[in-house]
Structure formats: structure tokens, C-alpha cells
Full PDB file with SEQRES, HELIX, SHEET, SSBOND, CRYST1, ORIGX, SCALE, CONECT and MASTER records, all heavy atoms in Angstrom:
SEQRES   1 A   41  PRO GLY VAL ALA ASP ALA ARG GLN TYR THR CYS PRO CYS          
SEQRES   2 A   41  GLU ALA ALA LEU ASP ALA VAL ARG ALA GLY GLU ASN PRO          
SEQRES   3 A   41  GLU LEU GLY THR ALA ASP LYS HIS GLU ARG VAL CYS TYR          
SEQRES   4 A   41  VAL VAL                                                      
HELIX    1 AA1 GLU A   14  ARG A   21  1                                   8    
HELIX    2 AA2 THR A   30  LYS A   33  1                                   4    
SHEET    1 AA1 2 ALA A   6  PRO A  12  0                                        
SHEET    2 AA1 2 HIS A  34  VAL A  40 -1                                        
CRYST1    1.000    1.000    1.000  90.00  90.00  90.00 P 1           1          
ORIGX1      1.000000  0.000000  0.000000        0.00000                         
ORIGX2      0.000000  1.000000  0.000000        0.00000                         
ORIGX3      0.000000  0.000000  1.000000        0.00000                         
SCALE1      1.000000  0.000000  0.000000        0.00000                         
SCALE2      0.000000  1.000000  0.000000        0.00000                         
SCALE3      0.000000  0.000000  1.000000        0.00000                         
ATOM      1  N   PRO A   1      16.837  74.772  18.771  1.00  0.00           N  
ATOM      2  CA  PRO A   1      17.226  75.460  19.999  1.00  0.00           C  
ATOM      3  C   PRO A   1      16.035  75.814  20.867  1.00  0.00           C  
ATOM      4  O   PRO A   1      15.009  76.372  20.374  1.00  0.00           O  
ATOM      5  CB  PRO A   1      17.966  76.721  19.465  1.00  0.00           C  
ATOM      6  CG  PRO A   1      18.438  76.342  18.124  1.00  0.00           C  
ATOM      7  CD  PRO A   1      17.399  75.388  17.565  1.00  0.00           C  
ATOM      8  N   GLY A   2      16.151  75.527  22.144  1.00  0.00           N  
ATOM      9  CA  GLY A   2      15.070  75.830  23.095  1.00  0.00           C  
ATOM     10  C   GLY A   2      14.134  74.659  23.363  1.00  0.00           C  
ATOM     11  O   GLY A   2      13.267  74.775  24.240  1.00  0.00           O  
ATOM     12  N   VAL A   3      14.318  73.546  22.625  1.00  0.00           N  
ATOM     13  CA  VAL A   3      13.510  72.343  22.854  1.00  0.00           C  
ATOM     14  C   VAL A   3      14.208  71.388  23.782  1.00  0.00           C  
ATOM     15  O   VAL A   3      15.316  70.965  23.491  1.00  0.00           O  
ATOM     16  CB  VAL A   3      13.142  71.652  21.506  1.00  0.00           C  
ATOM     17  CG1 VAL A   3      12.420  70.354  21.761  1.00  0.00           C  
ATOM     18  CG2 VAL A   3      12.306  72.573  20.671  1.00  0.00           C  
ATOM     19  N   ALA A   4      13.575  71.067  24.905  1.00  0.00           N  
ATOM     20  CA  ALA A   4      14.213  70.111  25.837  1.00  0.00           C  
ATOM     21  C   ALA A   4      13.815  68.676  25.492  1.00  0.00           C  
ATOM     22  O   ALA A   4      14.600  67.752  25.685  1.00  0.00           O  
ATOM     23  CB  ALA A   4      13.691  70.429  27.264  1.00  0.00           C  
ATOM     24  N   ASP A   5      12.607  68.445  25.006  1.00  0.00           N  
ATOM     25  CA  ASP A   5      12.145  67.122  24.647  1.00  0.00           C  
ATOM     26  C   ASP A   5      10.983  67.252  23.650  1.00  0.00           C  
ATOM     27  O   ASP A   5      10.305  68.293  23.652  1.00  0.00           O  
ATOM     28  CB  ASP A   5      11.721  66.312  25.848  1.00  0.00           C  
ATOM     29  CG  ASP A   5      11.627  64.811  25.559  1.00  0.00           C  
ATOM     30  OD1 ASP A   5      12.022  64.389  24.461  1.00  0.00           O  
ATOM     31  OD2 ASP A   5      11.203  64.056  26.479  1.00  0.00           O  
ATOM     32  N   ALA A   6      10.743  66.218  22.861  1.00  0.00           N  
ATOM     33  CA  ALA A   6       9.632  66.325  21.884  1.00  0.00           C  
ATOM     34  C   ALA A   6       9.234  64.927  21.423  1.00  0.00           C  
ATOM     35  O   ALA A   6      10.067  64.001  21.331  1.00  0.00           O  
ATOM     36  CB  ALA A   6      10.042  67.213  20.668  1.00  0.00           C  
ATOM     37  N   ARG A   7       7.927  64.765  21.064  1.00  0.00           N  
ATOM     38  CA  ARG A   7       7.426  63.586  20.403  1.00  0.00           C  
ATOM     39  C   ARG A   7       6.544  64.114  19.267  1.00  0.00           C  
ATOM     40  O   ARG A   7       5.729  65.012  19.417  1.00  0.00           O  
ATOM     41  CB  ARG A   7       6.563  62.737  21.328  1.00  0.00           C  
ATOM     42  CG  ARG A   7       7.320  62.082  22.483  1.00  0.00           C  
ATOM     43  CD  ARG A   7       8.246  60.991  22.088  1.00  0.00           C  
ATOM     44  NE  ARG A   7       8.777  60.339  23.251  1.00  0.00           N  
ATOM     45  CZ  ARG A   7       9.799  60.824  23.971  1.00  0.00           C  
ATOM     46  NH1 ARG A   7      10.400  61.968  23.575  1.00  0.00           N  
ATOM     47  NH2 ARG A   7      10.225  60.202  25.043  1.00  0.00           N  
ATOM     48  N   GLN A   8       6.718  63.442  18.137  1.00  0.00           N  
ATOM     49  CA  GLN A   8       5.883  63.802  16.949  1.00  0.00           C  
ATOM     50  C   GLN A   8       5.063  62.605  16.533  1.00  0.00           C  
ATOM     51  O   GLN A   8       5.601  61.540  16.273  1.00  0.00           O  
ATOM     52  CB  GLN A   8       6.774  64.283  15.817  1.00  0.00           C  
ATOM     53  CG  GLN A   8       5.933  64.834  14.628  1.00  0.00           C  
ATOM     54  CD  GLN A   8       5.638  63.765  13.590  1.00  0.00           C  
ATOM     55  OE1 GLN A   8       6.520  63.121  13.092  1.00  0.00           O  
ATOM     56  NE2 GLN A   8       4.373  63.630  13.224  1.00  0.00           N  
ATOM     57  N   TYR A   9       3.776  62.763  16.453  1.00  0.00           N  
ATOM     58  CA  TYR A   9       2.838  61.724  16.020  1.00  0.00           C  
ATOM     59  C   TYR A   9       2.393  62.011  14.605  1.00  0.00           C  
ATOM     60  O   TYR A   9       1.977  63.111  14.275  1.00  0.00           O  
ATOM     61  CB  TYR A   9       1.592  61.674  16.934  1.00  0.00           C  
ATOM     62  CG  TYR A   9       1.880  61.138  18.300  1.00  0.00           C  
ATOM     63  CD1 TYR A   9       2.338  62.015  19.328  1.00  0.00           C  
ATOM     64  CD2 TYR A   9       1.703  59.822  18.671  1.00  0.00           C  
ATOM     65  CE1 TYR A   9       2.604  61.615  20.608  1.00  0.00           C  
ATOM     66  CE2 TYR A   9       1.949  59.363  19.987  1.00  0.00           C  
ATOM     67  CZ  TYR A   9       2.376  60.251  20.915  1.00  0.00           C  
ATOM     68  OH  TYR A   9       2.656  59.804  22.194  1.00  0.00           O  
ATOM     69  N   THR A  10       2.478  60.969  13.779  1.00  0.00           N  
ATOM     70  CA  THR A  10       1.942  61.042  12.429  1.00  0.00           C  
ATOM     71  C   THR A  10       0.585  60.353  12.432  1.00  0.00           C  
ATOM     72  O   THR A  10       0.480  59.184  12.937  1.00  0.00           O  
ATOM     73  CB  THR A  10       2.860  60.340  11.429  1.00  0.00           C  
ATOM     74  OG1 THR A  10       4.136  60.985  11.420  1.00  0.00           O  
ATOM     75  CG2 THR A  10       2.269  60.407   9.996  1.00  0.00           C  
ATOM     76  N   CYS A  11      -0.426  60.999  11.962  1.00  0.00           N  
ATOM     77  CA  CYS A  11      -1.824  60.476  12.036  1.00  0.00           C  
ATOM     78  C   CYS A  11      -2.445  60.437  10.657  1.00  0.00           C  
ATOM     79  O   CYS A  11      -2.552  61.475   9.962  1.00  0.00           O  
ATOM     80  CB  CYS A  11      -2.689  61.362  12.930  1.00  0.00           C  
ATOM     81  SG  CYS A  11      -1.973  61.635  14.597  1.00  0.00           S  
ATOM     82  N   PRO A  12      -2.864  59.243  10.161  1.00  0.00           N  
ATOM     83  CA  PRO A  12      -3.495  59.163   8.841  1.00  0.00           C  
ATOM     84  C   PRO A  12      -4.900  59.747   8.858  1.00  0.00           C  
ATOM     85  O   PRO A  12      -5.586  59.704   9.890  1.00  0.00           O  
ATOM     86  CB  PRO A  12      -3.544  57.664   8.563  1.00  0.00           C  
ATOM     87  CG  PRO A  12      -3.558  57.035   9.919  1.00  0.00           C  
ATOM     88  CD  PRO A  12      -2.770  57.892  10.865  1.00  0.00           C  
ATOM     89  N   CYS A  13      -5.307  60.284   7.758  1.00  0.00           N  
ATOM     90  CA  CYS A  13      -6.694  60.790   7.619  1.00  0.00           C  
ATOM     91  C   CYS A  13      -7.570  59.581   7.288  1.00  0.00           C  
ATOM     92  O   CYS A  13      -7.415  58.926   6.255  1.00  0.00           O  
ATOM     93  CB  CYS A  13      -6.758  61.795   6.492  1.00  0.00           C  
ATOM     94  SG  CYS A  13      -8.407  62.340   6.075  1.00  0.00           S  
ATOM     95  N   GLU A  14      -8.521  59.275   8.172  1.00  0.00           N  
ATOM     96  CA  GLU A  14      -9.340  58.093   8.051  1.00  0.00           C  
ATOM     97  C   GLU A  14     -10.214  58.127   6.790  1.00  0.00           C  
ATOM     98  O   GLU A  14     -10.407  57.111   6.127  1.00  0.00           O  
ATOM     99  CB  GLU A  14     -10.202  57.888   9.285  1.00  0.00           C  
ATOM    100  CG  GLU A  14      -9.428  57.537  10.542  1.00  0.00           C  
ATOM    101  CD  GLU A  14      -8.714  56.198  10.446  1.00  0.00           C  
ATOM    102  OE1 GLU A  14      -9.191  55.336   9.720  1.00  0.00           O  
ATOM    103  OE2 GLU A  14      -7.648  56.083  11.094  1.00  0.00           O  
ATOM    104  N   ALA A  15     -10.724  59.302   6.422  1.00  0.00           N  
ATOM    105  CA  ALA A  15     -11.540  59.400   5.252  1.00  0.00           C  
ATOM    106  C   ALA A  15     -10.760  59.043   3.968  1.00  0.00           C  
ATOM    107  O   ALA A  15     -11.270  58.379   3.080  1.00  0.00           O  
ATOM    108  CB  ALA A  15     -12.162  60.792   5.131  1.00  0.00           C  
ATOM    109  N   ALA A  16      -9.555  59.513   3.871  1.00  0.00           N  
ATOM    110  CA  ALA A  16      -8.681  59.230   2.748  1.00  0.00           C  
ATOM    111  C   ALA A  16      -8.345  57.724   2.715  1.00  0.00           C  
ATOM    112  O   ALA A  16      -8.386  57.112   1.633  1.00  0.00           O  
ATOM    113  CB  ALA A  16      -7.394  60.028   2.816  1.00  0.00           C  
ATOM    114  N   LEU A  17      -8.074  57.144   3.843  1.00  0.00           N  
ATOM    115  CA  LEU A  17      -7.741  55.754   3.943  1.00  0.00           C  
ATOM    116  C   LEU A  17      -8.917  54.908   3.505  1.00  0.00           C  
ATOM    117  O   LEU A  17      -8.769  53.932   2.695  1.00  0.00           O  
ATOM    118  CB  LEU A  17      -7.305  55.402   5.376  1.00  0.00           C  
ATOM    119  CG  LEU A  17      -6.783  53.994   5.643  1.00  0.00           C  
ATOM    120  CD1 LEU A  17      -5.623  53.672   4.774  1.00  0.00           C  
ATOM    121  CD2 LEU A  17      -6.404  53.894   7.131  1.00  0.00           C  
ATOM    122  N   ASP A  18     -10.111  55.225   3.888  1.00  0.00           N  
ATOM    123  CA  ASP A  18     -11.310  54.476   3.552  1.00  0.00           C  
ATOM    124  C   ASP A  18     -11.559  54.556   2.033  1.00  0.00           C  
ATOM    125  O   ASP A  18     -11.960  53.562   1.392  1.00  0.00           O  
ATOM    126  CB  ASP A  18     -12.552  54.992   4.292  1.00  0.00           C  
ATOM    127  CG  ASP A  18     -12.487  54.682   5.805  1.00  0.00           C  
ATOM    128  OD1 ASP A  18     -11.705  53.783   6.154  1.00  0.00           O  
ATOM    129  OD2 ASP A  18     -13.188  55.322   6.563  1.00  0.00           O  
ATOM    130  N   ALA A  19     -11.330  55.742   1.453  1.00  0.00           N  
ATOM    131  CA  ALA A  19     -11.562  55.941  -0.009  1.00  0.00           C  
ATOM    132  C   ALA A  19     -10.620  55.078  -0.815  1.00  0.00           C  
ATOM    133  O   ALA A  19     -10.974  54.521  -1.829  1.00  0.00           O  
ATOM    134  CB  ALA A  19     -11.427  57.405  -0.365  1.00  0.00           C  
ATOM    135  N   VAL A  20      -9.375  55.018  -0.391  1.00  0.00           N  
ATOM    136  CA  VAL A  20      -8.375  54.188  -1.064  1.00  0.00           C  
ATOM    137  C   VAL A  20      -8.716  52.718  -0.989  1.00  0.00           C  
ATOM    138  O   VAL A  20      -8.699  51.959  -1.982  1.00  0.00           O  
ATOM    139  CB  VAL A  20      -6.964  54.441  -0.511  1.00  0.00           C  
ATOM    140  CG1 VAL A  20      -5.968  53.421  -1.066  1.00  0.00           C  
ATOM    141  CG2 VAL A  20      -6.505  55.862  -0.822  1.00  0.00           C  
ATOM    142  N   ARG A  21      -9.087  52.221   0.183  1.00  0.00           N  
ATOM    143  CA  ARG A  21      -9.466  50.841   0.375  1.00  0.00           C  
ATOM    144  C   ARG A  21     -10.673  50.464  -0.432  1.00  0.00           C  
ATOM    145  O   ARG A  21     -10.824  49.307  -0.859  1.00  0.00           O  
ATOM    146  CB  ARG A  21      -9.682  50.507   1.829  1.00  0.00           C  
ATOM    147  CG  ARG A  21      -8.424  50.438   2.650  1.00  0.00           C  
ATOM    148  CD  ARG A  21      -8.716  50.315   4.129  1.00  0.00           C  
ATOM    149  NE  ARG A  21      -7.519  49.939   4.922  1.00  0.00           N  
ATOM    150  CZ  ARG A  21      -7.408  50.148   6.184  1.00  0.00           C  
ATOM    151  NH1 ARG A  21      -8.398  50.744   6.876  1.00  0.00           N  
ATOM    152  NH2 ARG A  21      -6.294  49.805   6.809  1.00  0.00           N  
ATOM    153  N   ALA A  22     -11.542  51.404  -0.671  1.00  0.00           N  
ATOM    154  CA  ALA A  22     -12.736  51.148  -1.485  1.00  0.00           C  
ATOM    155  C   ALA A  22     -12.481  51.157  -2.954  1.00  0.00           C  
ATOM    156  O   ALA A  22     -13.396  50.936  -3.793  1.00  0.00           O  
ATOM    157  CB  ALA A  22     -13.812  52.192  -1.124  1.00  0.00           C  
ATOM    158  N   GLY A  23     -11.228  51.407  -3.363  1.00  0.00           N  
ATOM    159  CA  GLY A  23     -10.890  51.408  -4.794  1.00  0.00           C  
ATOM    160  C   GLY A  23     -11.306  52.648  -5.519  1.00  0.00           C  
ATOM    161  O   GLY A  23     -11.406  52.640  -6.756  1.00  0.00           O  
ATOM    162  N   GLU A  24     -11.507  53.770  -4.808  1.00  0.00           N  
ATOM    163  CA  GLU A  24     -11.960  54.986  -5.438  1.00  0.00           C  
ATOM    164  C   GLU A  24     -10.848  55.748  -6.130  1.00  0.00           C  
ATOM    165  O   GLU A  24     -11.074  56.712  -6.888  1.00  0.00           O  
ATOM    166  CB  GLU A  24     -12.660  55.897  -4.394  1.00  0.00           C  
ATOM    167  CG  GLU A  24     -13.912  55.281  -3.803  1.00  0.00           C  
ATOM    168  CD  GLU A  24     -14.491  56.161  -2.711  1.00  0.00           C  
ATOM    169  OE1 GLU A  24     -14.056  57.324  -2.559  1.00  0.00           O  
ATOM    170  OE2 GLU A  24     -15.397  55.716  -1.999  1.00  0.00           O  
ATOM    171  N   ASN A  25      -9.598  55.372  -5.867  1.00  0.00           N  
ATOM    172  CA  ASN A  25      -8.443  56.029  -6.473  1.00  0.00           C  
ATOM    173  C   ASN A  25      -8.441  57.538  -6.354  1.00  0.00           C  
ATOM    174  O   ASN A  25      -8.296  58.276  -7.376  1.00  0.00           O  
ATOM    175  CB  ASN A  25      -8.262  55.653  -7.960  1.00  0.00           C  
ATOM    176  CG  ASN A  25      -7.940  54.192  -8.137  1.00  0.00           C  
ATOM    177  OD1 ASN A  25      -7.426  53.540  -7.255  1.00  0.00           O  
ATOM    178  ND2 ASN A  25      -8.312  53.643  -9.267  1.00  0.00           N  
ATOM    179  N   PRO A  26      -8.580  58.075  -5.154  1.00  0.00           N  
ATOM    180  CA  PRO A  26      -8.601  59.524  -4.984  1.00  0.00           C  
ATOM    181  C   PRO A  26      -7.307  60.158  -5.282  1.00  0.00           C  
ATOM    182  O   PRO A  26      -6.227  59.565  -5.123  1.00  0.00           O  
ATOM    183  CB  PRO A  26      -9.029  59.690  -3.521  1.00  0.00           C  
ATOM    184  CG  PRO A  26      -8.497  58.485  -2.867  1.00  0.00           C  
ATOM    185  CD  PRO A  26      -8.669  57.354  -3.840  1.00  0.00           C  
ATOM    186  N   GLU A  27      -7.339  61.406  -5.722  1.00  0.00           N  
ATOM    187  CA  GLU A  27      -6.121  62.235  -5.919  1.00  0.00           C  
ATOM    188  C   GLU A  27      -5.892  62.892  -4.571  1.00  0.00           C  
ATOM    189  O   GLU A  27      -6.636  63.740  -4.147  1.00  0.00           O  
ATOM    190  CB  GLU A  27      -6.297  63.236  -7.007  1.00  0.00           C  
ATOM    191  CG  GLU A  27      -6.399  62.645  -8.411  1.00  0.00           C  
ATOM    192  CD  GLU A  27      -5.115  61.962  -8.861  1.00  0.00           C  
ATOM    193  OE1 GLU A  27      -4.053  62.409  -8.341  1.00  0.00           O  
ATOM    194  OE2 GLU A  27      -5.198  61.052  -9.700  1.00  0.00           O  
ATOM    195  N   LEU A  28      -4.780  62.512  -3.924  1.00  0.00           N  
ATOM    196  CA  LEU A  28      -4.528  62.985  -2.527  1.00  0.00           C  
ATOM    197  C   LEU A  28      -3.201  63.786  -2.518  1.00  0.00           C  
ATOM    198  O   LEU A  28      -2.172  63.247  -2.876  1.00  0.00           O  
ATOM    199  CB  LEU A  28      -4.505  61.823  -1.554  1.00  0.00           C  
ATOM    200  CG  LEU A  28      -5.783  61.007  -1.439  1.00  0.00           C  
ATOM    201  CD1 LEU A  28      -5.482  59.745  -0.550  1.00  0.00           C  
ATOM    202  CD2 LEU A  28      -6.885  61.831  -0.858  1.00  0.00           C  
ATOM    203  N   GLY A  29      -3.259  64.995  -2.029  1.00  0.00           N  
ATOM    204  CA  GLY A  29      -2.075  65.743  -1.784  1.00  0.00           C  
ATOM    205  C   GLY A  29      -1.475  65.358  -0.441  1.00  0.00           C  
ATOM    206  O   GLY A  29      -2.072  64.584   0.325  1.00  0.00           O  
ATOM    207  N   THR A  30      -0.293  65.866  -0.172  1.00  0.00           N  
ATOM    208  CA  THR A  30       0.412  65.500   1.086  1.00  0.00           C  
ATOM    209  C   THR A  30      -0.438  65.800   2.291  1.00  0.00           C  
ATOM    210  O   THR A  30      -0.562  64.983   3.201  1.00  0.00           O  
ATOM    211  CB  THR A  30       1.734  66.289   1.168  1.00  0.00           C  
ATOM    212  OG1 THR A  30       2.575  65.931   0.095  1.00  0.00           O  
ATOM    213  CG2 THR A  30       2.477  65.991   2.463  1.00  0.00           C  
ATOM    214  N   ALA A  31      -1.062  66.938   2.329  1.00  0.00           N  
ATOM    215  CA  ALA A  31      -1.856  67.322   3.487  1.00  0.00           C  
ATOM    216  C   ALA A  31      -3.172  66.640   3.559  1.00  0.00           C  
ATOM    217  O   ALA A  31      -3.818  66.615   4.601  1.00  0.00           O  
ATOM    218  CB  ALA A  31      -2.108  68.861   3.453  1.00  0.00           C  
ATOM    219  N   ASP A  32      -3.596  65.974   2.462  1.00  0.00           N  
ATOM    220  CA  ASP A  32      -4.858  65.223   2.499  1.00  0.00           C  
ATOM    221  C   ASP A  32      -4.704  63.855   3.184  1.00  0.00           C  
ATOM    222  O   ASP A  32      -5.707  63.309   3.662  1.00  0.00           O  
ATOM    223  CB  ASP A  32      -5.363  64.983   1.076  1.00  0.00           C  
ATOM    224  CG  ASP A  32      -5.646  66.285   0.340  1.00  0.00           C  
ATOM    225  OD1 ASP A  32      -6.158  67.187   0.982  1.00  0.00           O  
ATOM    226  OD2 ASP A  32      -5.340  66.349  -0.852  1.00  0.00           O  
ATOM    227  N   LYS A  33      -3.508  63.358   3.242  1.00  0.00           N  
ATOM    228  CA  LYS A  33      -3.349  61.969   3.757  1.00  0.00           C  
ATOM    229  C   LYS A  33      -2.993  61.895   5.220  1.00  0.00           C  
ATOM    230  O   LYS A  33      -3.294  60.944   5.889  1.00  0.00           O  
ATOM    231  CB  LYS A  33      -2.228  61.259   2.958  1.00  0.00           C  
ATOM    232  CG  LYS A  33      -2.599  60.976   1.495  1.00  0.00           C  
ATOM    233  CD  LYS A  33      -1.555  60.138   0.777  1.00  0.00           C  
ATOM    234  CE  LYS A  33      -0.285  60.894   0.569  1.00  0.00           C  
ATOM    235  NZ  LYS A  33       0.723  60.123  -0.181  1.00  0.00           N  
ATOM    236  N   HIS A  34      -2.299  62.944   5.748  1.00  0.00           N  
ATOM    237  CA  HIS A  34      -1.808  62.886   7.112  1.00  0.00           C  
ATOM    238  C   HIS A  34      -1.862  64.252   7.768  1.00  0.00           C  
ATOM    239  O   HIS A  34      -1.837  65.276   7.081  1.00  0.00           O  
ATOM    240  CB  HIS A  34      -0.326  62.427   7.159  1.00  0.00           C  
ATOM    241  CG  HIS A  34      -0.090  61.096   6.597  1.00  0.00           C  
ATOM    242  ND1 HIS A  34       0.281  60.934   5.274  1.00  0.00           N  
ATOM    243  CD2 HIS A  34      -0.117  59.865   7.147  1.00  0.00           C  
ATOM    244  CE1 HIS A  34       0.440  59.624   5.035  1.00  0.00           C  
ATOM    245  NE2 HIS A  34       0.220  58.981   6.149  1.00  0.00           N  
ATOM    246  N   GLU A  35      -1.802  64.213   9.083  1.00  0.00           N  
ATOM    247  CA  GLU A  35      -1.490  65.403   9.831  1.00  0.00           C  
ATOM    248  C   GLU A  35      -0.424  65.062  10.843  1.00  0.00           C  
ATOM    249  O   GLU A  35      -0.252  63.856  11.200  1.00  0.00           O  
ATOM    250  CB  GLU A  35      -2.705  65.986  10.584  1.00  0.00           C  
ATOM    251  CG  GLU A  35      -3.270  65.090  11.694  1.00  0.00           C  
ATOM    252  CD  GLU A  35      -4.324  65.845  12.472  1.00  0.00           C  
ATOM    253  OE1 GLU A  35      -4.223  67.068  12.639  1.00  0.00           O  
ATOM    254  OE2 GLU A  35      -5.208  65.164  13.011  1.00  0.00           O  
ATOM    255  N   ARG A  36       0.356  66.008  11.250  1.00  0.00           N  
ATOM    256  CA  ARG A  36       1.436  65.758  12.212  1.00  0.00           C  
ATOM    257  C   ARG A  36       1.127  66.546  13.493  1.00  0.00           C  
ATOM    258  O   ARG A  36       0.793  67.723  13.434  1.00  0.00           O  
ATOM    259  CB  ARG A  36       2.782  66.235  11.671  1.00  0.00           C  
ATOM    260  CG  ARG A  36       3.180  65.443  10.385  1.00  0.00           C  
ATOM    261  CD  ARG A  36       4.638  65.581  10.022  1.00  0.00           C  
ATOM    262  NE  ARG A  36       4.958  64.871   8.826  1.00  0.00           N  
ATOM    263  CZ  ARG A  36       5.280  63.595   8.752  1.00  0.00           C  
ATOM    264  NH1 ARG A  36       5.222  62.833   9.853  1.00  0.00           N  
ATOM    265  NH2 ARG A  36       5.649  63.064   7.599  1.00  0.00           N  
ATOM    266  N   VAL A  37       1.237  65.859  14.607  1.00  0.00           N  
ATOM    267  CA  VAL A  37       0.970  66.419  15.890  1.00  0.00           C  
ATOM    268  C   VAL A  37       2.222  66.314  16.787  1.00  0.00           C  
ATOM    269  O   VAL A  37       2.749  65.257  16.998  1.00  0.00           O  
ATOM    270  CB  VAL A  37      -0.215  65.721  16.611  1.00  0.00           C  
ATOM    271  CG1 VAL A  37      -0.515  66.365  17.946  1.00  0.00           C  
ATOM    272  CG2 VAL A  37      -1.441  65.710  15.734  1.00  0.00           C  
ATOM    273  N   CYS A  38       2.724  67.461  17.235  1.00  0.00           N  
ATOM    274  CA  CYS A  38       3.934  67.553  18.038  1.00  0.00           C  
ATOM    275  C   CYS A  38       3.624  67.917  19.475  1.00  0.00           C  
ATOM    276  O   CYS A  38       2.866  68.856  19.756  1.00  0.00           O  
ATOM    277  CB  CYS A  38       4.892  68.589  17.438  1.00  0.00           C  
ATOM    278  SG  CYS A  38       5.351  68.294  15.711  1.00  0.00           S  
ATOM    279  N   TYR A  39       4.247  67.224  20.360  1.00  0.00           N  
ATOM    280  CA  TYR A  39       4.214  67.576  21.805  1.00  0.00           C  
ATOM    281  C   TYR A  39       5.630  67.957  22.205  1.00  0.00           C  
ATOM    282  O   TYR A  39       6.584  67.151  22.027  1.00  0.00           O  
ATOM    283  CB  TYR A  39       3.739  66.367  22.658  1.00  0.00           C  
ATOM    284  CG  TYR A  39       2.282  66.015  22.362  1.00  0.00           C  
ATOM    285  CD1 TYR A  39       1.972  65.130  21.360  1.00  0.00           C  
ATOM    286  CD2 TYR A  39       1.270  66.585  23.079  1.00  0.00           C  
ATOM    287  CE1 TYR A  39       0.636  64.821  21.046  1.00  0.00           C  
ATOM    288  CE2 TYR A  39      -0.071  66.273  22.846  1.00  0.00           C  
ATOM    289  CZ  TYR A  39      -0.373  65.435  21.816  1.00  0.00           C  
ATOM    290  OH  TYR A  39      -1.702  65.134  21.505  1.00  0.00           O  
ATOM    291  N   VAL A  40       5.779  69.187  22.687  1.00  0.00           N  
ATOM    292  CA  VAL A  40       7.085  69.785  22.920  1.00  0.00           C  
ATOM    293  C   VAL A  40       7.208  70.230  24.361  1.00  0.00           C  
ATOM    294  O   VAL A  40       6.314  70.942  24.929  1.00  0.00           O  
ATOM    295  CB  VAL A  40       7.308  70.964  21.967  1.00  0.00           C  
ATOM    296  CG1 VAL A  40       8.654  71.632  22.236  1.00  0.00           C  
ATOM    297  CG2 VAL A  40       7.183  70.534  20.526  1.00  0.00           C  
ATOM    298  N   VAL A  41       8.374  69.858  24.954  1.00  0.00           N  
ATOM    299  CA  VAL A  41       8.756  70.443  26.251  1.00  0.00           C  
ATOM    300  C   VAL A  41       9.794  71.507  25.970  1.00  0.00           C  
ATOM    301  O   VAL A  41      10.888  71.237  25.449  1.00  0.00           O  
ATOM    302  CB  VAL A  41       9.344  69.415  27.203  1.00  0.00           C  
ATOM    303  CG1 VAL A  41       9.775  70.025  28.539  1.00  0.00           C  
ATOM    304  CG2 VAL A  41       8.337  68.260  27.438  1.00  0.00           C  
TER     305      VAL A  41                                                      
MASTER        0    0    0    2    2    0    0    6  304    1    0    4          
END                                                                             
């Protein structure tokens, strides 16, 4: 209620992505992998 329009962007954490691709097998929590950015009218 009160939101006229909204867009939500999901953004990967580049450091976490690079560590996985390098085969480091990091232990990543939910907040370690992504952040969410909302634009709200």
C-alpha cells in the first residue's frame, strides 16, 4: 500500500563471483552473494 510503481534490481557481488569461478569454493551466505536495489515511486 502506498506504492505507485517499483523496479527491483538484483545485483551479484563481484568478489564472490570471482572466488567461485577461481575454484575457491567459498562459504557464502545469502547476503554475501547479492544485494537488492529498489526504485520506488
